Amino acid sequence: GRTFSSYAMGWFRQAPGKEREFVAAITRSGVNTYGADSVKGRFTVS
């Protein structure tokens, strides 16, 4: 699609036998990001 920049994006993960959990998110412009405590300092969303 042509409107990718209008979508905020997120990453989630699900391990076997566990519930889906949030990993990281990024706003439409990419200026702001937000990460789960479990991945801060290790994972980067862009």
All heavy atoms as atom14 arrays in JSON, in Angstrom:
{
  "sequence": "GRTFSSYAMGWFRQAPGKEREFVAAITRSGVNTYGADSVKGRFTVS",
  "atom14_mask": [
    [1, 1, 1, 1, 0, 0, 0, 0, 0, 0, 0, 0, 0, 0],
    [1, 1, 1, 1, 1, 1, 1, 1, 1, 1, 1, 0, 0, 0],
    [1, 1, 1, 1, 1, 1, 1, 0, 0, 0, 0, 0, 0, 0],
    [1, 1, 1, 1, 1, 1, 1, 1, 1, 1, 1, 0, 0, 0],
    [1, 1, 1, 1, 1, 1, 0, 0, 0, 0, 0, 0, 0, 0],
    [1, 1, 1, 1, 1, 1, 0, 0, 0, 0, 0, 0, 0, 0],
    [1, 1, 1, 1, 1, 1, 1, 1, 1, 1, 1, 1, 0, 0],
    [1, 1, 1, 1, 1, 0, 0, 0, 0, 0, 0, 0, 0, 0],
    [1, 1, 1, 1, 1, 1, 1, 1, 0, 0, 0, 0, 0, 0],
    [1, 1, 1, 1, 0, 0, 0, 0, 0, 0, 0, 0, 0, 0],
    [1, 1, 1, 1, 1, 1, 1, 1, 1, 1, 1, 1, 1, 1],
    [1, 1, 1, 1, 1, 1, 1, 1, 1, 1, 1, 0, 0, 0],
    [1, 1, 1, 1, 1, 1, 1, 1, 1, 1, 1, 0, 0, 0],
    [1, 1, 1, 1, 1, 1, 1, 1, 1, 0, 0, 0, 0, 0],
    [1, 1, 1, 1, 1, 0, 0, 0, 0, 0, 0, 0, 0, 0],
    [1, 1, 1, 1, 1, 1, 1, 0, 0, 0, 0, 0, 0, 0],
    [1, 1, 1, 1, 0, 0, 0, 0, 0, 0, 0, 0, 0, 0],
    [1, 1, 1, 1, 1, 1, 1, 1, 1, 0, 0, 0, 0, 0],
    [1, 1, 1, 1, 1, 1, 1, 1, 1, 0, 0, 0, 0, 0],
    [1, 1, 1, 1, 1, 1, 1, 1, 1, 1, 1, 0, 0, 0],
    [1, 1, 1, 1, 1, 1, 1, 1, 1, 0, 0, 0, 0, 0],
    [1, 1, 1, 1, 1, 1, 1, 1, 1, 1, 1, 0, 0, 0],
    [1, 1, 1, 1, 1, 1, 1, 0, 0, 0, 0, 0, 0, 0],
    [1, 1, 1, 1, 1, 0, 0, 0, 0, 0, 0, 0, 0, 0],
    [1, 1, 1, 1, 1, 0, 0, 0, 0, 0, 0, 0, 0, 0],
    [1, 1, 1, 1, 1, 1, 1, 1, 0, 0, 0, 0, 0, 0],
    [1, 1, 1, 1, 1, 1, 1, 0, 0, 0, 0, 0, 0, 0],
    [1, 1, 1, 1, 1, 1, 1, 1, 1, 1, 1, 0, 0, 0],
    [1, 1, 1, 1, 1, 1, 0, 0, 0, 0, 0, 0, 0, 0],
    [1, 1, 1, 1, 0, 0, 0, 0, 0, 0, 0, 0, 0, 0],
    [1, 1, 1, 1, 1, 1, 1, 0, 0, 0, 0, 0, 0, 0],
    [1, 1, 1, 1, 1, 1, 1, 1, 0, 0, 0, 0, 0, 0],
    [1, 1, 1, 1, 1, 1, 1, 0, 0, 0, 0, 0, 0, 0],
    [1, 1, 1, 1, 1, 1, 1, 1, 1, 1, 1, 1, 0, 0],
    [1, 1, 1, 1, 0, 0, 0, 0, 0, 0, 0, 0, 0, 0],
    [1, 1, 1, 1, 1, 0, 0, 0, 0, 0, 0, 0, 0, 0],
    [1, 1, 1, 1, 1, 1, 1, 1, 0, 0, 0, 0, 0, 0],
    [1, 1, 1, 1, 1, 1, 0, 0, 0, 0, 0, 0, 0, 0],
    [1, 1, 1, 1, 1, 1, 1, 0, 0, 0, 0, 0, 0, 0],
    [1, 1, 1, 1, 1, 1, 1, 1, 1, 0, 0, 0, 0, 0],
    [1, 1, 1, 1, 0, 0, 0, 0, 0, 0, 0, 0, 0, 0],
    [1, 1, 1, 1, 1, 1, 1, 1, 1, 1, 1, 0, 0, 0],
    [1, 1, 1, 1, 1, 1, 1, 1, 1, 1, 1, 0, 0, 0],
    [1, 1, 1, 1, 1, 1, 1, 0, 0, 0, 0, 0, 0, 0],
    [1, 1, 1, 1, 1, 1, 1, 0, 0, 0, 0, 0, 0, 0],
    [1, 1, 1, 1, 1, 1, 0, 0, 0, 0, 0, 0, 0, 0]
  ],
  "atom14_positions": [
    [[0.8, -1.22, 0.0], [0.0, 0.0, 0.0], [0.83, 1.26, 0.0], [2.02, 1.25, 0.28], [0.0, 0.0, 0.0], [0.0, 0.0, 0.0], [0.0, 0.0, 0.0], [0.0, 0.0, 0.0], [0.0, 0.0, 0.0], [0.0, 0.0, 0.0], [0.0, 0.0, 0.0], [0.0, 0.0, 0.0], [0.0, 0.0, 0.0], [0.0, 0.0, 0.0]],
    [[0.16, 2.38, -0.26], [0.84, 3.66, -0.4], [0.76, 4.53, 0.85], [1.3, 5.61, 0.88], [0.23, 4.44, -1.56], [0.33, 3.73, -2.88], [-0.31, 4.56, -3.99], [-0.24, 3.91, -5.29], [-0.73, 4.42, -6.41], [-1.3, 5.61, -6.38], [-0.63, 3.76, -7.54], [0.0, 0.0, 0.0], [0.0, 0.0, 0.0], [0.0, 0.0, 0.0]],
    [[0.05, 4.02, 1.87], [-0.19, 4.86, 3.03], [0.54, 4.36, 4.27], [0.1, 4.58, 5.39], [-1.69, 4.93, 3.33], [-2.19, 3.6, 3.56], [-2.44, 5.57, 2.18], [0.0, 0.0, 0.0], [0.0, 0.0, 0.0], [0.0, 0.0, 0.0], [0.0, 0.0, 0.0], [0.0, 0.0, 0.0], [0.0, 0.0, 0.0], [0.0, 0.0, 0.0]],
    [[1.67, 3.7, 4.08], [2.4, 3.13, 5.2], [2.71, 4.18, 6.25], [2.65, 3.91, 7.45], [3.68, 2.49, 4.69], [4.55, 1.93, 5.77], [4.18, 0.79, 6.46], [5.75, 2.55, 6.11], [4.99, 0.27, 7.47], [6.57, 2.04, 7.11], [6.19, 0.89, 7.78], [0.0, 0.0, 0.0], [0.0, 0.0, 0.0], [0.0, 0.0, 0.0]],
    [[3.04, 5.37, 5.82], [3.42, 6.42, 6.77], [2.27, 6.88, 7.65], [2.49, 7.61, 8.61], [4.0, 7.62, 6.02], [3.04, 8.15, 5.14], [0.0, 0.0, 0.0], [0.0, 0.0, 0.0], [0.0, 0.0, 0.0], [0.0, 0.0, 0.0], [0.0, 0.0, 0.0], [0.0, 0.0, 0.0], [0.0, 0.0, 0.0], [0.0, 0.0, 0.0]],
    [[1.07, 6.47, 7.36], [-0.08, 6.84, 8.17], [-0.37, 5.82, 9.27], [-1.31, 5.99, 10.03], [-1.32, 7.03, 7.31], [-1.74, 5.79, 6.77], [0.0, 0.0, 0.0], [0.0, 0.0, 0.0], [0.0, 0.0, 0.0], [0.0, 0.0, 0.0], [0.0, 0.0, 0.0], [0.0, 0.0, 0.0], [0.0, 0.0, 0.0], [0.0, 0.0, 0.0]],
    [[0.44, 4.76, 9.35], [0.23, 3.7, 10.33], [1.29, 3.74, 11.41], [2.5, 3.76, 11.12], [0.26, 2.32, 9.67], [-0.9, 2.04, 8.76], [-0.85, 2.36, 7.41], [-2.06, 1.45, 9.25], [-1.9, 2.11, 6.57], [-3.13, 1.19, 8.42], [-3.05, 1.52, 7.07], [-4.1, 1.27, 6.26], [0.0, 0.0, 0.0], [0.0, 0.0, 0.0]],
    [[0.83, 3.69, 12.65], [1.75, 3.37, 13.74], [2.01, 1.87, 13.68], [1.13, 1.1, 13.31], [1.14, 3.75, 15.08], [0.0, 0.0, 0.0], [0.0, 0.0, 0.0], [0.0, 0.0, 0.0], [0.0, 0.0, 0.0], [0.0, 0.0, 0.0], [0.0, 0.0, 0.0], [0.0, 0.0, 0.0], [0.0, 0.0, 0.0], [0.0, 0.0, 0.0]],
    [[3.21, 1.47, 14.04], [3.6, 0.07, 13.91], [4.07, -0.5, 15.25], [4.67, 0.21, 16.06], [4.73, -0.07, 12.89], [4.39, 0.44, 11.51], [3.05, -0.46, 10.72], [3.81, -2.08, 10.53], [0.0, 0.0, 0.0], [0.0, 0.0, 0.0], [0.0, 0.0, 0.0], [0.0, 0.0, 0.0], [0.0, 0.0, 0.0], [0.0, 0.0, 0.0]],
    [[3.79, -1.76, 15.43], [4.22, -2.43, 16.65], [4.81, -3.79, 16.36], [4.54, -4.38, 15.3], [0.0, 0.0, 0.0], [0.0, 0.0, 0.0], [0.0, 0.0, 0.0], [0.0, 0.0, 0.0], [0.0, 0.0, 0.0], [0.0, 0.0, 0.0], [0.0, 0.0, 0.0], [0.0, 0.0, 0.0], [0.0, 0.0, 0.0], [0.0, 0.0, 0.0]],
    [[5.62, -4.25, 17.28], [6.16, -5.6, 17.25], [5.69, -6.33, 18.5], [5.75, -5.78, 19.62], [7.68, -5.6, 17.22], [8.29, -5.24, 15.91], [8.76, -4.02, 15.53], [8.52, -6.12, 14.8], [9.26, -4.09, 14.25], [9.12, -5.37, 13.78], [8.26, -7.48, 14.56], [9.47, -5.91, 12.54], [8.61, -8.02, 13.35], [9.22, -7.25, 12.34]],
    [[5.24, -7.55, 18.32], [4.81, -8.41, 19.42], [5.48, -9.77, 19.24], [6.01, -10.08, 18.17], [3.29, -8.58, 19.41], [2.55, -7.32, 19.77], [2.4, -6.29, 18.85], [2.01, -7.15, 21.04], [1.73, -5.12, 19.18], [1.33, -5.99, 21.38], [1.19, -4.99, 20.44], [0.0, 0.0, 0.0], [0.0, 0.0, 0.0], [0.0, 0.0, 0.0]],
    [[5.44, -10.57, 20.29], [5.98, -11.92, 20.18], [5.14, -12.88, 21.01], [4.47, -12.47, 21.96], [7.44, -11.96, 20.62], [7.67, -11.67, 22.1], [9.16, -11.57, 22.4], [9.44, -11.33, 23.81], [10.64, -11.08, 24.3], [11.7, -11.02, 23.49], [10.8, -10.88, 25.61], [0.0, 0.0, 0.0], [0.0, 0.0, 0.0], [0.0, 0.0, 0.0]],
    [[5.21, -14.14, 20.62], [4.49, -15.17, 21.36], [5.34, -16.42, 21.41], [5.69, -16.99, 20.37], [3.14, -15.47, 20.71], [2.28, -16.4, 21.55], [0.84, -16.43, 21.09], [0.51, -16.06, 19.97], [-0.05, -16.86, 21.98], [0.0, 0.0, 0.0], [0.0, 0.0, 0.0], [0.0, 0.0, 0.0], [0.0, 0.0, 0.0], [0.0, 0.0, 0.0]],
    [[5.67, -16.81, 22.62], [6.43, -18.04, 22.84], [5.46, -19.2, 23.05], [4.31, -18.98, 23.44], [7.33, -17.88, 24.05], [0.0, 0.0, 0.0], [0.0, 0.0, 0.0], [0.0, 0.0, 0.0], [0.0, 0.0, 0.0], [0.0, 0.0, 0.0], [0.0, 0.0, 0.0], [0.0, 0.0, 0.0], [0.0, 0.0, 0.0], [0.0, 0.0, 0.0]],
    [[5.9, -20.43, 22.81], [5.01, -21.58, 22.98], [4.43, -21.64, 24.39], [5.17, -21.51, 25.38], [5.94, -22.77, 22.72], [7.0, -22.23, 21.83], [7.21, -20.82, 22.27], [0.0, 0.0, 0.0], [0.0, 0.0, 0.0], [0.0, 0.0, 0.0], [0.0, 0.0, 0.0], [0.0, 0.0, 0.0], [0.0, 0.0, 0.0], [0.0, 0.0, 0.0]],
    [[3.13, -21.79, 24.46], [2.47, -21.92, 25.75], [2.31, -20.62, 26.51], [1.84, -20.63, 27.65], [0.0, 0.0, 0.0], [0.0, 0.0, 0.0], [0.0, 0.0, 0.0], [0.0, 0.0, 0.0], [0.0, 0.0, 0.0], [0.0, 0.0, 0.0], [0.0, 0.0, 0.0], [0.0, 0.0, 0.0], [0.0, 0.0, 0.0], [0.0, 0.0, 0.0]],
    [[2.68, -19.51, 25.88], [2.58, -18.21, 26.55], [1.68, -17.28, 25.76], [1.44, -17.48, 24.58], [3.96, -17.59, 26.73], [4.88, -18.38, 27.65], [6.16, -17.61, 27.91], [7.05, -18.35, 28.9], [8.31, -17.59, 29.19], [0.0, 0.0, 0.0], [0.0, 0.0, 0.0], [0.0, 0.0, 0.0], [0.0, 0.0, 0.0], [0.0, 0.0, 0.0]],
    [[1.23, -16.24, 26.43], [0.41, -15.25, 25.76], [1.29, -14.32, 24.91], [2.48, -14.14, 25.18], [-0.38, -14.43, 26.79], [-1.41, -15.24, 27.55], [-2.26, -14.37, 28.44], [-1.94, -13.18, 28.59], [-3.25, -14.89, 29.0], [0.0, 0.0, 0.0], [0.0, 0.0, 0.0], [0.0, 0.0, 0.0], [0.0, 0.0, 0.0], [0.0, 0.0, 0.0]],
    [[0.66, -13.72, 23.94], [1.36, -12.73, 23.12], [1.77, -11.56, 24.0], [1.01, -11.13, 24.87], [0.43, -12.25, 22.01], [1.03, -11.24, 21.06], [0.0, -10.83, 20.04], [-1.13, -10.18, 20.66], [-2.3, -9.97, 20.08], [-2.5, -10.4, 18.84], [-3.27, -9.35, 20.72], [0.0, 0.0, 0.0], [0.0, 0.0, 0.0], [0.0, 0.0, 0.0]],
    [[2.98, -11.05, 23.78], [3.44, -9.92, 24.55], [4.0, -8.83, 23.65], [4.55, -9.1, 22.58], [4.49, -10.34, 25.59], [5.79, -10.81, 25.03], [6.87, -10.98, 26.09], [6.74, -10.41, 27.2], [7.86, -11.69, 25.81], [0.0, 0.0, 0.0], [0.0, 0.0, 0.0], [0.0, 0.0, 0.0], [0.0, 0.0, 0.0], [0.0, 0.0, 0.0]],
    [[3.86, -7.63, 24.13], [4.35, -6.44, 23.42], [5.87, -6.4, 23.46], [6.48, -6.73, 24.49], [3.77, -5.19, 24.06], [4.4, -3.91, 23.62], [4.17, -3.42, 22.35], [5.22, -3.2, 24.48], [4.75, -2.23, 21.94], [5.8, -2.0, 24.08], [5.57, -1.52, 22.8], [0.0, 0.0, 0.0], [0.0, 0.0, 0.0], [0.0, 0.0, 0.0]],
    [[6.47, -5.98, 22.34], [7.92, -5.83, 22.28], [8.3, -4.36, 22.1], [9.03, -3.79, 22.91], [8.52, -6.67, 21.14], [10.02, -6.42, 21.03], [8.22, -8.15, 21.35], [0.0, 0.0, 0.0], [0.0, 0.0, 0.0], [0.0, 0.0, 0.0], [0.0, 0.0, 0.0], [0.0, 0.0, 0.0], [0.0, 0.0, 0.0], [0.0, 0.0, 0.0]],
    [[7.8, -3.74, 21.04], [8.18, -2.35, 20.75], [7.18, -1.75, 19.79], [6.48, -2.46, 19.06], [9.58, -2.28, 20.16], [0.0, 0.0, 0.0], [0.0, 0.0, 0.0], [0.0, 0.0, 0.0], [0.0, 0.0, 0.0], [0.0, 0.0, 0.0], [0.0, 0.0, 0.0], [0.0, 0.0, 0.0], [0.0, 0.0, 0.0], [0.0, 0.0, 0.0]],
    [[7.11, -0.42, 19.78], [6.22, 0.3, 18.88], [6.89, 1.57, 18.4], [7.81, 2.09, 19.05], [4.9, 0.63, 19.57], [0.0, 0.0, 0.0], [0.0, 0.0, 0.0], [0.0, 0.0, 0.0], [0.0, 0.0, 0.0], [0.0, 0.0, 0.0], [0.0, 0.0, 0.0], [0.0, 0.0, 0.0], [0.0, 0.0, 0.0], [0.0, 0.0, 0.0]],
    [[6.39, 2.07, 17.28], [6.95, 3.3, 16.71], [5.81, 4.09, 16.08], [4.89, 3.52, 15.49], [8.05, 2.95, 15.67], [8.78, 4.2, 15.2], [7.49, 2.14, 14.52], [10.07, 3.89, 14.44], [0.0, 0.0, 0.0], [0.0, 0.0, 0.0], [0.0, 0.0, 0.0], [0.0, 0.0, 0.0], [0.0, 0.0, 0.0], [0.0, 0.0, 0.0]],
    [[5.86, 5.39, 16.25], [4.82, 6.24, 15.7], [4.95, 6.4, 14.2], [5.93, 5.95, 13.6], [4.86, 7.62, 16.38], [6.19, 8.17, 16.25], [4.5, 7.52, 17.85], [0.0, 0.0, 0.0], [0.0, 0.0, 0.0], [0.0, 0.0, 0.0], [0.0, 0.0, 0.0], [0.0, 0.0, 0.0], [0.0, 0.0, 0.0], [0.0, 0.0, 0.0]],
    [[3.96, 7.05, 13.59], [3.92, 7.13, 12.14], [5.14, 7.81, 11.55], [5.66, 7.38, 10.52], [2.64, 7.86, 11.72], [1.38, 7.1, 12.05], [0.13, 7.91, 11.73], [0.02, 9.07, 12.59], [-0.92, 9.99, 12.45], [-1.8, 9.91, 11.47], [-0.97, 11.02, 13.28], [0.0, 0.0, 0.0], [0.0, 0.0, 0.0], [0.0, 0.0, 0.0]],
    [[5.6, 8.84, 12.2], [6.75, 9.57, 11.68], [8.07, 8.89, 12.01], [9.09, 9.16, 11.38], [6.77, 10.97, 12.27], [6.99, 10.9, 13.68], [0.0, 0.0, 0.0], [0.0, 0.0, 0.0], [0.0, 0.0, 0.0], [0.0, 0.0, 0.0], [0.0, 0.0, 0.0], [0.0, 0.0, 0.0], [0.0, 0.0, 0.0], [0.0, 0.0, 0.0]],
    [[8.04, 8.03, 13.01], [9.27, 7.38, 13.46], [10.0, 8.16, 14.53], [11.02, 7.71, 15.03], [0.0, 0.0, 0.0], [0.0, 0.0, 0.0], [0.0, 0.0, 0.0], [0.0, 0.0, 0.0], [0.0, 0.0, 0.0], [0.0, 0.0, 0.0], [0.0, 0.0, 0.0], [0.0, 0.0, 0.0], [0.0, 0.0, 0.0], [0.0, 0.0, 0.0]],
    [[9.45, 9.3, 14.92], [10.13, 10.14, 15.91], [10.09, 9.5, 17.3], [11.06, 9.56, 18.06], [9.5, 11.54, 15.95], [10.02, 12.34, 17.13], [9.76, 12.27, 14.64], [0.0, 0.0, 0.0], [0.0, 0.0, 0.0], [0.0, 0.0, 0.0], [0.0, 0.0, 0.0], [0.0, 0.0, 0.0], [0.0, 0.0, 0.0], [0.0, 0.0, 0.0]],
    [[8.96, 8.91, 17.63], [8.8, 8.33, 18.96], [8.75, 6.82, 18.92], [8.09, 6.23, 18.05], [7.52, 8.86, 19.61], [7.59, 10.34, 19.88], [8.57, 10.83, 20.45], [6.57, 11.06, 19.47], [0.0, 0.0, 0.0], [0.0, 0.0, 0.0], [0.0, 0.0, 0.0], [0.0, 0.0, 0.0], [0.0, 0.0, 0.0], [0.0, 0.0, 0.0]],
    [[9.45, 6.21, 19.86], [9.43, 4.76, 20.0], [9.15, 4.4, 21.45], [9.29, 5.22, 22.36], [10.75, 4.11, 19.57], [11.8, 4.58, 20.43], [11.08, 4.45, 18.13], [0.0, 0.0, 0.0], [0.0, 0.0, 0.0], [0.0, 0.0, 0.0], [0.0, 0.0, 0.0], [0.0, 0.0, 0.0], [0.0, 0.0, 0.0], [0.0, 0.0, 0.0]],
    [[8.75, 3.16, 21.64], [8.34, 2.69, 22.97], [8.65, 1.21, 23.02], [8.31, 0.48, 22.1], [6.85, 2.96, 23.14], [6.19, 2.37, 24.35], [6.71, 2.54, 25.63], [4.99, 1.66, 24.22], [6.06, 2.01, 26.73], [4.34, 1.14, 25.31], [4.88, 1.31, 26.57], [4.24, 0.78, 27.66], [0.0, 0.0, 0.0], [0.0, 0.0, 0.0]],
    [[9.33, 0.78, 24.07], [9.7, -0.62, 24.17], [9.36, -1.24, 25.5], [9.27, -0.54, 26.51], [0.0, 0.0, 0.0], [0.0, 0.0, 0.0], [0.0, 0.0, 0.0], [0.0, 0.0, 0.0], [0.0, 0.0, 0.0], [0.0, 0.0, 0.0], [0.0, 0.0, 0.0], [0.0, 0.0, 0.0], [0.0, 0.0, 0.0], [0.0, 0.0, 0.0]],
    [[9.18, -2.53, 25.5], [8.92, -3.26, 26.74], [10.18, -3.26, 27.61], [11.3, -3.23, 27.09], [8.51, -4.69, 26.42], [0.0, 0.0, 0.0], [0.0, 0.0, 0.0], [0.0, 0.0, 0.0], [0.0, 0.0, 0.0], [0.0, 0.0, 0.0], [0.0, 0.0, 0.0], [0.0, 0.0, 0.0], [0.0, 0.0, 0.0], [0.0, 0.0, 0.0]],
    [[9.99, -3.31, 28.89], [11.13, -3.3, 29.8], [12.08, -4.47, 29.53], [13.3, -4.33, 29.68], [10.64, -3.35, 31.25], [9.99, -2.06, 31.68], [10.21, -1.02, 31.01], [9.26, -2.07, 32.69], [0.0, 0.0, 0.0], [0.0, 0.0, 0.0], [0.0, 0.0, 0.0], [0.0, 0.0, 0.0], [0.0, 0.0, 0.0], [0.0, 0.0, 0.0]],
    [[11.53, -5.58, 29.11], [12.33, -6.78, 28.91], [13.32, -6.67, 27.76], [14.27, -7.45, 27.67], [11.42, -7.99, 28.69], [10.61, -7.78, 27.54], [0.0, 0.0, 0.0], [0.0, 0.0, 0.0], [0.0, 0.0, 0.0], [0.0, 0.0, 0.0], [0.0, 0.0, 0.0], [0.0, 0.0, 0.0], [0.0, 0.0, 0.0], [0.0, 0.0, 0.0]],
    [[13.1, -5.68, 26.87], [13.99, -5.56, 25.71], [14.71, -4.22, 25.66], [15.52, -3.99, 24.74], [13.21, -5.78, 24.39], [12.51, -7.12, 24.42], [12.22, -4.65, 24.13], [0.0, 0.0, 0.0], [0.0, 0.0, 0.0], [0.0, 0.0, 0.0], [0.0, 0.0, 0.0], [0.0, 0.0, 0.0], [0.0, 0.0, 0.0], [0.0, 0.0, 0.0]],
    [[14.44, -3.34, 26.58], [15.08, -2.02, 26.57], [16.59, -2.17, 26.67], [17.1, -2.96, 27.46], [14.53, -1.16, 27.7], [13.18, -0.57, 27.4], [12.67, 0.32, 28.52], [11.31, 0.91, 28.18], [10.76, 1.72, 29.28], [0.0, 0.0, 0.0], [0.0, 0.0, 0.0], [0.0, 0.0, 0.0], [0.0, 0.0, 0.0], [0.0, 0.0, 0.0]],
    [[17.27, -1.4, 25.85], [18.73, -1.48, 25.82], [19.26, -2.56, 24.91], [20.46, -2.62, 24.64], [0.0, 0.0, 0.0], [0.0, 0.0, 0.0], [0.0, 0.0, 0.0], [0.0, 0.0, 0.0], [0.0, 0.0, 0.0], [0.0, 0.0, 0.0], [0.0, 0.0, 0.0], [0.0, 0.0, 0.0], [0.0, 0.0, 0.0], [0.0, 0.0, 0.0]],
    [[18.38, -3.45, 24.45], [18.81, -4.54, 23.56], [18.14, -4.47, 22.19], [18.77, -4.76, 21.17], [18.49, -5.89, 24.21], [19.16, -6.12, 25.54], [18.99, -7.55, 26.02], [17.59, -7.91, 26.2], [17.0, -8.94, 25.59], [17.68, -9.7, 24.74], [15.71, -9.22, 25.82], [0.0, 0.0, 0.0], [0.0, 0.0, 0.0], [0.0, 0.0, 0.0]],
    [[16.87, -4.12, 22.15], [16.11, -4.08, 20.9], [15.84, -2.62, 20.51], [15.55, -1.78, 21.37], [14.77, -4.78, 21.05], [14.84, -6.27, 21.22], [16.04, -6.94, 21.46], [13.66, -7.02, 21.15], [16.07, -8.31, 21.62], [13.69, -8.4, 21.31], [14.9, -9.04, 21.55], [0.0, 0.0, 0.0], [0.0, 0.0, 0.0], [0.0, 0.0, 0.0]],
    [[15.86, -2.36, 19.2], [15.57, -1.03, 18.68], [14.6, -1.16, 17.52], [14.83, -1.92, 16.58], [16.85, -0.34, 18.2], [17.78, -0.25, 19.27], [16.52, 1.07, 17.69], [0.0, 0.0, 0.0], [0.0, 0.0, 0.0], [0.0, 0.0, 0.0], [0.0, 0.0, 0.0], [0.0, 0.0, 0.0], [0.0, 0.0, 0.0], [0.0, 0.0, 0.0]],
    [[13.53, -0.39, 17.58], [12.56, -0.35, 16.49], [12.82, 0.9, 15.66], [13.12, 1.97, 16.19], [11.11, -0.39, 17.02], [10.82, 0.78, 17.95], [10.12, -0.45, 15.87], [0.0, 0.0, 0.0], [0.0, 0.0, 0.0], [0.0, 0.0, 0.0], [0.0, 0.0, 0.0], [0.0, 0.0, 0.0], [0.0, 0.0, 0.0], [0.0, 0.0, 0.0]],
    [[12.7, 0.75, 14.34], [12.87, 1.88, 13.43], [12.01, 1.63, 12.2], [11.46, 0.55, 12.02], [14.35, 2.04, 13.04], [14.81, 0.89, 12.34], [0.0, 0.0, 0.0], [0.0, 0.0, 0.0], [0.0, 0.0, 0.0], [0.0, 0.0, 0.0], [0.0, 0.0, 0.0], [0.0, 0.0, 0.0], [0.0, 0.0, 0.0], [0.0, 0.0, 0.0]]
  ]
}
